[in-house]
Protein backbone atom coordinates (compact mmCIF):
# COMPACT_ATOMS: atom_id res chain seq x y z
CA MET A 1 34.49 -52.88 -19.18
CA PRO A 2 33.35 -55.17 -16.34
CA ARG A 3 35.98 -56.74 -14.10
CA SER A 4 35.13 -60.23 -15.28
CA VAL A 5 32.77 -61.69 -17.85
CA LYS A 6 31.26 -65.17 -17.94
CA ALA A 7 31.47 -66.41 -21.49
CA PRO A 8 32.55 -69.33 -23.66
CA PHE A 9 35.25 -67.21 -25.35
CA PRO A 10 37.80 -64.79 -23.86
CA PHE A 11 38.87 -61.43 -25.23
CA VAL A 12 41.87 -61.87 -27.51
CA PRO A 13 44.12 -59.43 -29.42
CA ALA A 14 42.38 -58.20 -32.57
CA PRO A 15 44.49 -55.53 -34.25
CA ASP A 16 43.26 -56.22 -37.81
CA LEU A 17 39.49 -55.82 -37.65
CA GLU A 18 38.12 -54.40 -40.92
CA PHE A 19 34.66 -52.90 -41.22
CA PHE A 20 32.82 -53.11 -44.56
CA SER A 21 29.66 -51.12 -45.27
CA ASP A 22 29.52 -50.95 -49.08
CA ALA A 23 27.97 -53.92 -50.87
CA ALA A 24 30.32 -53.92 -53.87
CA ALA A 25 33.47 -53.67 -51.75
CA THR A 26 32.20 -56.33 -49.36
CA TRP A 27 31.46 -58.91 -52.04
CA GLN A 28 34.70 -58.20 -53.91
CA ARG A 29 36.84 -58.76 -50.81
CA LEU A 30 34.81 -61.72 -49.53
CA LEU A 31 34.98 -63.61 -52.82
CA ALA A 32 38.69 -62.84 -53.10
CA ASP A 33 39.24 -64.29 -49.62
CA LEU A 34 37.30 -67.45 -50.48
CA ALA A 35 39.46 -67.89 -53.58
CA THR A 36 42.61 -68.02 -51.42
CA ALA A 37 41.46 -71.08 -49.42
CA LYS A 38 43.89 -74.00 -49.26
CA ARG A 39 42.40 -76.21 -46.54
CA ARG A 40 38.82 -75.36 -45.68
CA ILE A 41 35.87 -73.05 -46.27
CA TRP A 42 33.09 -73.13 -43.69
CA LEU A 43 29.95 -71.11 -44.45
CA GLU A 44 26.86 -70.61 -42.31
CA ASN A 45 24.00 -68.31 -43.24
CA TYR A 46 20.32 -67.82 -42.60
CA ILE A 47 19.57 -67.10 -46.28
CA PHE A 48 21.08 -68.85 -49.29
CA GLU A 49 19.08 -68.74 -52.50
CA ASP A 50 19.57 -69.00 -56.25
CA GLY A 51 20.72 -65.96 -58.20
CA ALA A 52 23.75 -63.88 -59.09
CA ALA A 53 25.12 -63.96 -55.53
CA ALA A 54 24.85 -67.76 -55.32
CA ASN A 55 26.46 -68.15 -58.74
CA ALA A 56 29.38 -65.94 -57.71
CA ILE A 57 29.91 -68.09 -54.61
CA LEU A 58 29.78 -71.31 -56.64
CA GLU A 59 32.34 -69.91 -59.08
CA VAL A 60 34.75 -69.73 -56.13
CA LEU A 61 33.72 -72.89 -54.26
CA ILE A 62 33.82 -75.35 -57.16
CA PRO A 63 37.48 -74.58 -58.08
CA ALA A 64 38.32 -74.77 -54.38
CA LEU A 65 36.71 -78.22 -54.17
CA LYS A 66 38.72 -79.33 -57.19
CA ARG A 67 41.88 -78.22 -55.33
CA GLY A 68 40.92 -80.46 -52.41
CA VAL A 69 39.60 -77.75 -50.09
CA GLN A 70 37.06 -78.95 -47.52
CA VAL A 71 33.81 -77.00 -48.09
CA ARG A 72 30.99 -77.11 -45.56
CA LEU A 73 27.75 -75.14 -45.85
CA LEU A 74 25.17 -74.88 -43.07
CA VAL A 75 22.04 -72.90 -43.94
CA ASP A 76 18.75 -72.45 -42.17
CA ALA A 77 15.90 -74.54 -43.54
CA ILE A 78 13.34 -71.73 -43.25
CA GLY A 79 15.51 -68.80 -44.32
CA SER A 80 16.86 -70.77 -47.31
CA HIS A 81 13.61 -72.41 -48.43
CA ARG A 82 13.98 -70.89 -51.92
CA LEU A 83 17.29 -72.68 -52.53
CA SER A 84 16.93 -75.09 -55.45
CA HIS A 85 17.83 -78.78 -55.37
CA GLY A 86 19.86 -78.23 -58.53
CA LEU A 87 22.25 -75.82 -56.80
CA ILE A 88 22.63 -78.17 -53.83
CA ASP A 89 23.33 -81.09 -56.17
CA ARG A 90 26.02 -79.10 -57.98
CA LEU A 91 27.81 -78.51 -54.68
CA ARG A 92 27.48 -82.10 -53.51
CA ASP A 93 28.55 -83.49 -56.87
CA HIS A 94 31.85 -81.66 -56.46
CA GLY A 95 32.33 -82.93 -52.89
CA ALA A 96 30.89 -80.17 -50.73
CA GLU A 97 29.19 -81.07 -47.45
CA PHE A 98 25.79 -79.38 -47.24
CA ARG A 99 23.25 -79.31 -44.40
CA PHE A 100 19.98 -77.58 -43.62
CA TYR A 101 19.60 -76.55 -40.00
CA ASN A 102 16.42 -77.74 -38.23
CA ARG A 103 14.54 -78.91 -41.28
CA MET A 104 10.79 -79.10 -40.74
CA ARG A 105 9.19 -82.52 -41.16
CA LEU A 106 5.47 -83.12 -41.32
CA PHE A 107 4.99 -86.17 -39.09
CA PRO A 108 7.18 -84.93 -36.17
CA ILE A 109 5.27 -81.63 -36.29
CA LEU A 110 1.93 -83.45 -36.15
CA ARG A 111 3.16 -85.66 -33.33
CA HIS A 112 5.11 -83.19 -31.15
CA GLY A 113 3.90 -79.79 -32.31
CA PRO A 114 5.87 -76.99 -34.00
CA GLY A 115 7.74 -75.82 -30.88
CA LYS A 116 11.08 -77.48 -31.65
CA TYR A 117 11.12 -75.88 -35.10
CA LEU A 118 10.91 -72.30 -33.83
CA THR A 119 14.66 -72.25 -33.23
CA ARG A 120 16.60 -71.10 -36.29
CA THR A 121 20.22 -70.31 -37.06
CA HIS A 122 20.32 -66.65 -38.00
CA ARG A 123 24.12 -66.46 -37.85
CA ARG A 124 26.50 -65.37 -40.61
CA ILE A 125 29.83 -67.17 -40.43
CA VAL A 126 32.59 -67.38 -43.02
CA VAL A 127 35.83 -69.19 -42.08
CA VAL A 128 38.71 -69.48 -44.55
CA ASP A 129 41.51 -71.85 -43.47
CA ASN A 130 42.88 -70.80 -40.08
CA HIS A 131 43.56 -67.18 -40.86
CA LEU A 132 40.42 -65.33 -42.02
CA ALA A 133 36.81 -65.04 -40.88
CA TRP A 134 33.78 -62.82 -41.53
CA THR A 135 30.50 -62.07 -39.79
CA GLY A 136 27.73 -59.51 -40.07
CA GLY A 137 24.29 -59.28 -41.63
CA LEU A 138 24.98 -60.13 -45.28
CA ALA A 139 23.02 -63.02 -46.81
CA PHE A 140 23.79 -65.08 -49.90
CA SER A 141 20.94 -63.55 -51.86
CA ASP A 142 20.52 -61.10 -54.72
CA ARG A 143 18.85 -58.70 -52.32
CA TRP A 144 22.34 -58.15 -50.89
CA TRP A 145 24.12 -58.33 -54.25
CA PRO A 146 25.36 -54.98 -55.66
CA HIS A 147 23.21 -53.89 -58.60
CA SER A 148 24.12 -51.35 -61.24
CA LYS A 149 25.18 -47.94 -59.96
CA ALA A 150 21.80 -46.40 -60.71
CA GLN A 151 20.00 -49.14 -58.77
CA THR A 152 22.35 -49.69 -55.84
CA ILE A 153 20.80 -47.25 -53.37
CA ARG A 154 17.26 -48.22 -54.32
CA GLU A 155 17.59 -52.00 -54.55
CA THR A 156 20.57 -53.35 -52.60
CA ILE A 157 20.05 -53.91 -48.89
CA ARG A 158 22.21 -51.64 -46.73
CA ASP A 159 24.30 -53.90 -44.51
CA SER A 160 27.61 -54.33 -42.69
CA MET A 161 30.27 -57.03 -42.41
CA LEU A 162 33.33 -57.46 -40.21
CA ARG A 163 36.50 -59.15 -41.49
CA MET A 164 38.93 -60.54 -38.93
CA SER A 165 42.13 -62.52 -38.56
CA GLY A 166 44.20 -63.94 -35.70
CA GLU A 167 42.76 -65.68 -32.67
CA LEU A 168 39.19 -64.61 -33.43
CA VAL A 169 39.20 -66.98 -36.40
CA GLY A 170 39.49 -69.91 -34.00
CA GLN A 171 36.49 -68.67 -32.03
CA MET A 172 34.47 -68.36 -35.24
CA ALA A 173 35.49 -71.86 -36.34
CA MET A 174 34.55 -73.35 -32.96
CA SER A 175 31.16 -71.64 -33.13
CA PHE A 176 30.47 -73.10 -36.57
CA ASP A 177 31.75 -76.55 -35.63
CA ALA A 178 29.56 -76.80 -32.53
CA LEU A 179 26.33 -76.25 -34.45
CA TRP A 180 27.49 -78.38 -37.38
CA LYS A 181 27.98 -81.26 -34.94
CA ARG A 182 24.80 -80.34 -33.03
CA ARG A 183 26.66 -79.68 -29.79
CA LEU A 184 24.53 -77.07 -28.10
CA THR A 185 26.12 -76.93 -24.66
CA VAL A 186 28.71 -74.24 -24.01
CA ALA A 187 31.11 -74.38 -21.09
CA ARG A 188 31.11 -71.32 -18.87
CA ALA A 189 34.29 -69.71 -17.62
CA LYS A 190 35.44 -66.40 -16.18
CA TYR A 191 37.88 -64.31 -18.16
CA PRO A 192 39.57 -60.99 -17.48
CA PRO A 193 38.13 -57.81 -19.01
CA ALA A 194 39.00 -56.58 -22.47
CA MET A 195 42.15 -54.56 -22.98
CA ALA A 196 42.56 -52.03 -25.79
CA ASN A 197 42.31 -53.51 -29.30
CA GLU A 198 40.84 -56.80 -28.09
CA ALA A 199 37.68 -58.56 -29.19
CA ARG A 200 35.71 -61.77 -28.73
CA VAL A 201 32.90 -63.75 -30.27
CA ILE A 202 29.61 -63.61 -28.37
CA LEU A 203 27.17 -66.45 -28.91
CA GLN A 204 23.45 -66.16 -28.37
CA GLN A 205 21.97 -69.64 -28.00
CA PRO A 206 18.28 -70.31 -27.33
CA ALA A 207 17.62 -71.11 -23.66
CA LEU A 208 21.29 -71.98 -23.08
CA ALA A 209 23.57 -68.99 -23.42
CA MET A 210 22.08 -65.51 -23.64
CA HIS A 211 25.51 -63.92 -23.73
CA PHE A 212 24.82 -61.10 -26.18
CA ARG A 213 21.61 -60.01 -24.48
CA ARG A 214 23.35 -59.96 -21.10
CA ASP A 215 26.43 -58.11 -22.37
CA LEU A 216 24.29 -55.57 -24.23
CA TYR A 217 22.36 -54.65 -21.09
CA GLN A 218 25.59 -54.51 -19.14
CA MET A 219 27.29 -52.17 -21.61
CA MET A 220 24.27 -49.89 -22.02
CA GLY A 221 24.03 -49.70 -18.23
CA ARG A 222 27.66 -48.53 -18.04
CA ALA A 223 27.57 -46.10 -20.97
CA LYS A 224 28.82 -42.60 -20.19
CA SER A 225 28.49 -40.60 -23.42
CA ARG A 226 26.57 -42.43 -26.15
CA VAL A 227 24.42 -45.44 -26.98
CA TRP A 228 23.95 -45.75 -30.73
CA LEU A 229 21.99 -48.72 -32.05
CA ALA A 230 21.16 -49.74 -35.62
CA THR A 231 18.81 -52.64 -36.28
CA PRO A 232 16.33 -53.67 -38.99
CA TYR A 233 13.85 -55.17 -36.50
CA PHE A 234 13.16 -53.41 -33.21
CA ILE A 235 10.80 -55.04 -30.73
CA PRO A 236 12.14 -53.86 -27.35
CA SER A 237 11.18 -55.45 -24.06
CA ARG A 238 10.17 -53.32 -21.09
CA LYS A 239 13.64 -53.80 -19.61
CA PHE A 240 15.28 -52.72 -22.85
CA ARG A 241 13.19 -49.56 -23.05
CA ARG A 242 13.94 -48.78 -19.42
CA THR A 243 17.67 -49.23 -20.03
CA LEU A 244 17.55 -46.75 -22.92
CA ARG A 245 15.70 -44.20 -20.79
CA HIS A 246 18.20 -44.58 -17.94
CA ALA A 247 21.12 -44.09 -20.33
CA HIS A 248 19.61 -40.80 -21.50
CA SER A 249 18.95 -39.70 -17.93
CA ARG A 250 22.68 -40.17 -17.19
CA GLY A 251 23.54 -37.75 -20.00
CA CYS A 252 24.16 -40.23 -22.83
CA GLN A 253 23.15 -39.47 -26.37
CA VAL A 254 20.78 -42.34 -27.25
CA ARG A 255 20.16 -42.88 -30.96
CA LEU A 256 18.13 -45.53 -32.75
CA LEU A 257 18.71 -46.00 -36.48
CA LEU A 258 15.86 -48.04 -37.99
CA PRO A 259 14.54 -48.77 -41.49
CA GLY A 260 12.02 -46.56 -43.18
CA ALA A 261 9.10 -47.84 -45.22
CA ARG A 262 11.05 -48.17 -48.50
CA LYS A 263 11.75 -51.80 -49.46
CA HIS A 264 11.07 -53.07 -45.90
CA ASP A 265 10.72 -56.86 -46.11
CA HIS A 266 8.40 -57.15 -43.08
CA PRO A 267 6.18 -54.03 -42.92
CA GLY A 268 4.13 -55.50 -40.07
CA VAL A 269 7.23 -55.71 -37.87
CA ARG A 270 8.00 -52.08 -38.65
CA PHE A 271 4.53 -50.98 -37.54
CA ALA A 272 4.82 -53.10 -34.39
CA ALA A 273 8.11 -51.35 -33.58
CA ARG A 274 6.62 -47.90 -34.09
CA ARG A 275 4.13 -48.35 -31.28
CA TYR A 276 7.07 -47.85 -28.87
CA TYR A 277 8.16 -44.54 -30.36
CA THR A 278 6.01 -42.23 -28.24
CA ARG A 279 7.44 -43.03 -24.82
CA LEU A 280 10.99 -43.32 -26.14
CA LEU A 281 10.73 -39.88 -27.75
CA MET A 282 9.24 -38.45 -24.55
CA HIS A 283 12.34 -39.64 -22.67
CA GLY A 284 14.85 -38.09 -25.05
CA VAL A 285 15.69 -41.03 -27.32
CA GLU A 286 16.56 -39.89 -30.86
CA ILE A 287 14.90 -42.01 -33.57
CA TYR A 288 15.93 -41.97 -37.23
CA GLU A 289 14.40 -43.90 -40.13
CA TYR A 290 16.71 -44.59 -43.07
CA GLN A 291 15.17 -43.40 -46.34
CA PRO A 292 17.07 -44.54 -49.49
CA GLY A 293 16.43 -48.29 -49.08
CA PHE A 294 16.20 -51.11 -46.56
CA LEU A 295 18.65 -50.76 -43.68
CA HIS A 296 19.76 -54.16 -42.39
CA ARG A 297 22.76 -53.15 -40.25
CA LYS A 298 23.14 -54.67 -36.77
CA ILE A 299 25.38 -52.23 -34.89
CA VAL A 300 25.93 -51.37 -31.24
CA LEU A 301 28.17 -48.41 -30.34
CA ILE A 302 28.80 -47.65 -26.68
CA ASP A 303 30.88 -44.54 -25.93
CA ASP A 304 33.99 -44.27 -28.12
CA THR A 305 35.40 -47.74 -27.48
CA TRP A 306 32.91 -50.64 -27.27
CA THR A 307 31.45 -51.94 -30.53
CA ALA A 308 29.35 -55.00 -31.36
CA LEU A 309 28.62 -56.23 -34.89
CA GLY A 310 27.05 -59.42 -36.19
CA SER A 311 23.73 -61.08 -36.92
CA ALA A 312 21.51 -60.29 -33.92
CA ASN A 313 18.49 -58.03 -34.21
CA LEU A 314 16.96 -56.17 -31.30
CA ASP A 315 13.83 -58.28 -31.14
CA ARG A 316 12.48 -61.30 -29.30
CA LEU A 317 13.45 -63.78 -32.01
CA SER A 318 17.13 -62.88 -31.71
CA PHE A 319 17.06 -62.56 -27.93
CA PHE A 320 15.23 -65.82 -27.17
CA LEU A 321 14.79 -68.19 -30.14
CA ASN A 322 17.55 -67.83 -32.74
CA HIS A 323 21.17 -68.86 -32.78
CA GLU A 324 23.03 -65.56 -33.19
CA LEU A 325 26.65 -64.45 -33.27
CA MET A 326 28.15 -61.05 -32.54
CA VAL A 327 31.74 -59.84 -32.27
CA ALA A 328 32.31 -57.41 -29.39
CA SER A 329 35.38 -55.20 -29.55
CA ASN A 330 37.21 -52.70 -27.37
CA HIS A 331 38.91 -51.29 -30.46
CA ALA A 332 38.90 -47.49 -30.74
CA ARG A 333 39.69 -47.40 -34.49
CA LEU A 334 36.89 -49.84 -35.33
CA ASN A 335 34.52 -47.81 -33.15
CA ALA A 336 35.45 -44.65 -35.04
CA ASP A 337 34.98 -46.32 -38.44
CA VAL A 338 31.57 -47.69 -37.49
CA ALA A 339 30.52 -44.39 -35.91
CA SER A 340 31.42 -42.54 -39.13
CA CYS A 341 29.29 -44.96 -41.16
CA PHE A 342 26.45 -44.62 -38.64
CA ALA A 343 26.60 -40.82 -38.91
CA ASP A 344 26.50 -41.02 -42.73
CA ASP A 345 23.36 -43.15 -42.53
CA VAL A 346 21.79 -40.70 -40.10
CA GLU A 347 22.37 -37.94 -42.67
CA GLN A 348 20.24 -39.95 -45.11
CA SER A 349 17.53 -40.63 -42.54
CA LYS A 350 14.41 -38.85 -41.41
CA ARG A 351 14.44 -37.86 -37.76
CA ILE A 352 11.19 -38.60 -35.96
CA THR A 353 10.39 -35.79 -33.53
CA LEU A 354 7.75 -35.99 -30.83
CA GLU A 355 5.80 -33.08 -32.32
CA GLN A 356 5.67 -34.71 -35.75
CA TRP A 357 4.94 -38.10 -34.31
CA ARG A 358 1.85 -36.86 -32.49
CA THR A 359 0.36 -35.64 -35.78
CA ARG A 360 0.60 -38.98 -37.62
CA SER A 361 -2.54 -40.28 -39.28
CA ILE A 362 -5.26 -42.33 -37.64
CA TRP A 363 -4.58 -45.09 -40.18
CA ASN A 364 -0.94 -45.36 -39.06
CA ARG A 365 -2.04 -45.44 -35.42
CA PHE A 366 -4.41 -48.29 -36.23
CA LEU A 367 -1.66 -50.29 -38.02
CA GLU A 368 0.69 -49.80 -35.07
CA SER A 369 -1.92 -51.03 -32.63
CA PHE A 370 -2.98 -53.94 -34.83
CA PHE A 371 0.50 -55.31 -35.56
CA GLY A 372 1.51 -54.57 -31.99
CA LEU A 373 -0.88 -57.34 -30.95
CA PHE A 374 1.53 -59.81 -32.55
CA ASP A 375 4.84 -58.36 -31.43
CA ARG A 376 5.51 -61.30 -29.11
CA ILE A 377 6.12 -63.48 -32.17
CA PHE A 378 8.51 -60.97 -33.82
């Protein structure tokens, strides 16, 4: 780890980090945690929409509201545009505080242009009282809800969540509270490096605090044995590609785990990402495409200690425009758990080799070039 890190939050002891990769187990534990709330439930998510998942959440929140628990929900206005007024009214009628982040309004757009509405909150935050918190890639949508056993692999999005307790809960709560109150400035401070079994929240704030992007480059630049990355959307900058190549040249195993074509929600982004495969493969980067369904994990594994999990993708939207949140950990057990899950996903993935890649069809080459023209907006 670096000798000192500039950040809004320090590394704190985190002995109880729990990694969840199965949809059914994740929802069961998350809903059980929400049901234990006595003082407050704070929820922030990019996607919240009607369906079985939303109904399950309401079945926990409404009894909590009747017990006097403070319930606050902050959802993104674009990501949650399918959310019905009826569901919102049910929450507000029982006393919940509900807000859309950065709601688009016609006359301000006509007057000032759409620029201010490009910024979205893509974060996933769950805070229960002062003792439990969650983050990861899960959304409050039926696309993440566990279906019947026969459908699970085919239909449910493959994602990850991290459950935490202790001092990290305070960092998660402060992160939620700042955006809820529209306080966008973050004080900078220097903190000592992480010790074993410590972790911290990393915020990525548009134009203000690019902490995750900076830490990611720093960690990849110091990697000694492996750089494993899983992301649903991969639009790497020139610097990012160069950092991957340099890691391989130092002897690191560099692996990218990306979605395949099955159930991909933005096929154009996938084709735009594939235009970078050739040079990465030529420089020894291993590329795998997950086959059973849509892979939505956001995982960074550096060597056998450093792990980052949360909401950020490896694309320009997450690096420059969205509010994102990751938890970085120097926890060997968590690293091993995540690495085991990563390896299982690789077993269900198709490896893209340079020889095979060079024989792809002319039509695929055209799609890569065409959608690559728009990769600056992905």
